[in-house]
């Protein structure tokens, strides 16, 4: 990642691509990010929820509030 790059701009470039989001409560979601706003709230489609690396649930579409996010992992490889 280039130095000085703003995270929000990077995430908006990743719309319609795979992403992993780990929350402060140690839940992790993996899916396709389809929306992101200025508060870094994310809408993820085809989301899979993991707890302690075990699949817990699947959702067609979820909203994750930006203030609950610990970190985001962008998954490279899909038509970069």
C-alpha atoms as a PDB file:
ATOM      1  CA  UNK A   1       0.000   0.000   0.000  1.00  0.00           C
ATOM      2  CA  UNK A   2       1.305   3.424  -0.886  1.00  0.00           C
ATOM      3  CA  UNK A   3       2.149   5.726   2.004  1.00  0.00           C
ATOM      4  CA  UNK A   4      -0.366   8.452   2.689  1.00  0.00           C
ATOM      5  CA  UNK A   5      -3.253   6.615   1.020  1.00  0.00           C
ATOM      6  CA  UNK A   6      -6.619   7.215   2.679  1.00  0.00           C
ATOM      7  CA  UNK A   7      -8.360   4.002   3.817  1.00  0.00           C
ATOM      8  CA  UNK A   8     -11.819   5.156   2.745  1.00  0.00           C
ATOM      9  CA  UNK A   9     -10.666   5.777  -0.833  1.00  0.00           C
ATOM     10  CA  UNK A  10      -9.062   2.347  -0.946  1.00  0.00           C
ATOM     11  CA  UNK A  11     -12.252   0.644   0.257  1.00  0.00           C
ATOM     12  CA  UNK A  12     -14.396   2.453  -2.302  1.00  0.00           C
ATOM     13  CA  UNK A  13     -12.047   1.142  -5.008  1.00  0.00           C
ATOM     14  CA  UNK A  14     -12.787  -2.351  -3.651  1.00  0.00           C
ATOM     15  CA  UNK A  15     -16.572  -2.151  -4.171  1.00  0.00           C
ATOM     16  CA  UNK A  16     -18.002  -5.390  -5.576  1.00  0.00           C
ATOM     17  CA  UNK A  17     -14.935  -7.350  -4.498  1.00  0.00           C
ATOM     18  CA  UNK A  18     -14.174  -9.751  -1.645  1.00  0.00           C
ATOM     19  CA  UNK A  19     -13.372  -8.417   1.806  1.00  0.00           C
ATOM     20  CA  UNK A  20     -12.866  -9.737   5.346  1.00  0.00           C
ATOM     21  CA  UNK A  21     -13.930  -7.584   8.285  1.00  0.00           C
ATOM     22  CA  UNK A  22     -13.020  -8.327  11.898  1.00  0.00           C
ATOM     23  CA  UNK A  23     -15.120  -6.620  14.551  1.00  0.00           C
ATOM     24  CA  UNK A  24     -14.192  -5.516  18.058  1.00  0.00           C
ATOM     25  CA  UNK A  25     -16.209  -8.444  19.476  1.00  0.00           C
ATOM     26  CA  UNK A  26     -13.948 -10.920  17.552  1.00  0.00           C
ATOM     27  CA  UNK A  27     -16.597 -11.857  14.978  1.00  0.00           C
ATOM     28  CA  UNK A  28     -15.327 -11.956  11.401  1.00  0.00           C
ATOM     29  CA  UNK A  29     -17.367 -11.468   8.241  1.00  0.00           C
ATOM     30  CA  UNK A  30     -16.334 -12.394   4.733  1.00  0.00           C
ATOM     31  CA  UNK A  31     -18.218 -11.415   1.603  1.00  0.00           C
ATOM     32  CA  UNK A  32     -18.587  -8.878  -1.198  1.00  0.00           C
ATOM     33  CA  UNK A  33     -18.557  -5.218  -0.177  1.00  0.00           C
ATOM     34  CA  UNK A  34     -21.230  -3.356  -2.167  1.00  0.00           C
ATOM     35  CA  UNK A  35     -21.516  -0.028  -0.317  1.00  0.00           C
ATOM     36  CA  UNK A  36     -19.364   2.163   1.918  1.00  0.00           C
ATOM     37  CA  UNK A  37     -20.081   5.619   3.354  1.00  0.00           C
ATOM     38  CA  UNK A  38     -18.014   8.370   4.964  1.00  0.00           C
ATOM     39  CA  UNK A  39     -18.359   6.715   8.415  1.00  0.00           C
ATOM     40  CA  UNK A  40     -16.931   3.493   6.938  1.00  0.00           C
ATOM     41  CA  UNK A  41     -20.262   1.707   7.410  1.00  0.00           C
ATOM     42  CA  UNK A  42     -20.160  -1.278   5.068  1.00  0.00           C
ATOM     43  CA  UNK A  43     -22.864  -3.249   3.277  1.00  0.00           C
ATOM     44  CA  UNK A  44     -21.683  -6.766   2.512  1.00  0.00           C
ATOM     45  CA  UNK A  45     -23.504  -9.294   0.341  1.00  0.00           C
ATOM     46  CA  UNK A  46     -23.217 -13.082   0.587  1.00  0.00           C
ATOM     47  CA  UNK A  47     -21.699 -12.625   4.034  1.00  0.00           C
ATOM     48  CA  UNK A  48     -20.337 -15.524   6.032  1.00  0.00           C
ATOM     49  CA  UNK A  49     -19.963 -15.006   9.784  1.00  0.00           C
ATOM     50  CA  UNK A  50     -17.108 -16.684  11.647  1.00  0.00           C
ATOM     51  CA  UNK A  51     -16.406 -16.924  15.354  1.00  0.00           C
ATOM     52  CA  UNK A  52     -13.111 -18.449  16.495  1.00  0.00           C
ATOM     53  CA  UNK A  53     -12.447 -19.519  12.862  1.00  0.00           C
ATOM     54  CA  UNK A  54     -15.676 -21.575  12.829  1.00  0.00           C
ATOM     55  CA  UNK A  55     -18.455 -20.777  10.389  1.00  0.00           C
ATOM     56  CA  UNK A  56     -21.390 -19.557  12.439  1.00  0.00           C
ATOM     57  CA  UNK A  57     -23.963 -18.210   9.939  1.00  0.00           C
ATOM     58  CA  UNK A  58     -24.565 -16.987   6.400  1.00  0.00           C
ATOM     59  CA  UNK A  59     -26.503 -13.852   5.406  1.00  0.00           C
ATOM     60  CA  UNK A  60     -27.615 -12.565   1.994  1.00  0.00           C
ATOM     61  CA  UNK A  61     -26.859  -8.933   2.950  1.00  0.00           C
ATOM     62  CA  UNK A  62     -25.601  -7.250   6.136  1.00  0.00           C
ATOM     63  CA  UNK A  63     -24.720  -3.768   7.373  1.00  0.00           C
ATOM     64  CA  UNK A  64     -21.638  -3.332   9.547  1.00  0.00           C
ATOM     65  CA  UNK A  65     -21.306  -0.064  11.425  1.00  0.00           C
ATOM     66  CA  UNK A  66     -17.907   1.507  10.980  1.00  0.00           C
ATOM     67  CA  UNK A  67     -17.383   2.120  14.697  1.00  0.00           C
ATOM     68  CA  UNK A  68     -17.544  -1.662  15.354  1.00  0.00           C
ATOM     69  CA  UNK A  69     -14.726  -2.504  12.919  1.00  0.00           C
ATOM     70  CA  UNK A  70     -11.334  -3.487  14.309  1.00  0.00           C
ATOM     71  CA  UNK A  71      -9.684  -4.109  10.938  1.00  0.00           C
ATOM     72  CA  UNK A  72     -10.435  -4.802   7.292  1.00  0.00           C
ATOM     73  CA  UNK A  73      -8.600  -7.206   5.007  1.00  0.00           C
ATOM     74  CA  UNK A  74      -8.926  -6.537   1.292  1.00  0.00           C
ATOM     75  CA  UNK A  75      -8.630  -9.758  -0.689  1.00  0.00           C
ATOM     76  CA  UNK A  76      -6.573  -9.267  -3.863  1.00  0.00           C
ATOM     77  CA  UNK A  77      -6.952 -11.219  -7.046  1.00  0.00           C
ATOM     78  CA  UNK A  78     -10.387 -10.392  -8.439  1.00  0.00           C
ATOM     79  CA  UNK A  79      -9.749  -8.304 -11.571  1.00  0.00           C
ATOM     80  CA  UNK A  80      -7.285  -5.882 -10.009  1.00  0.00           C
END
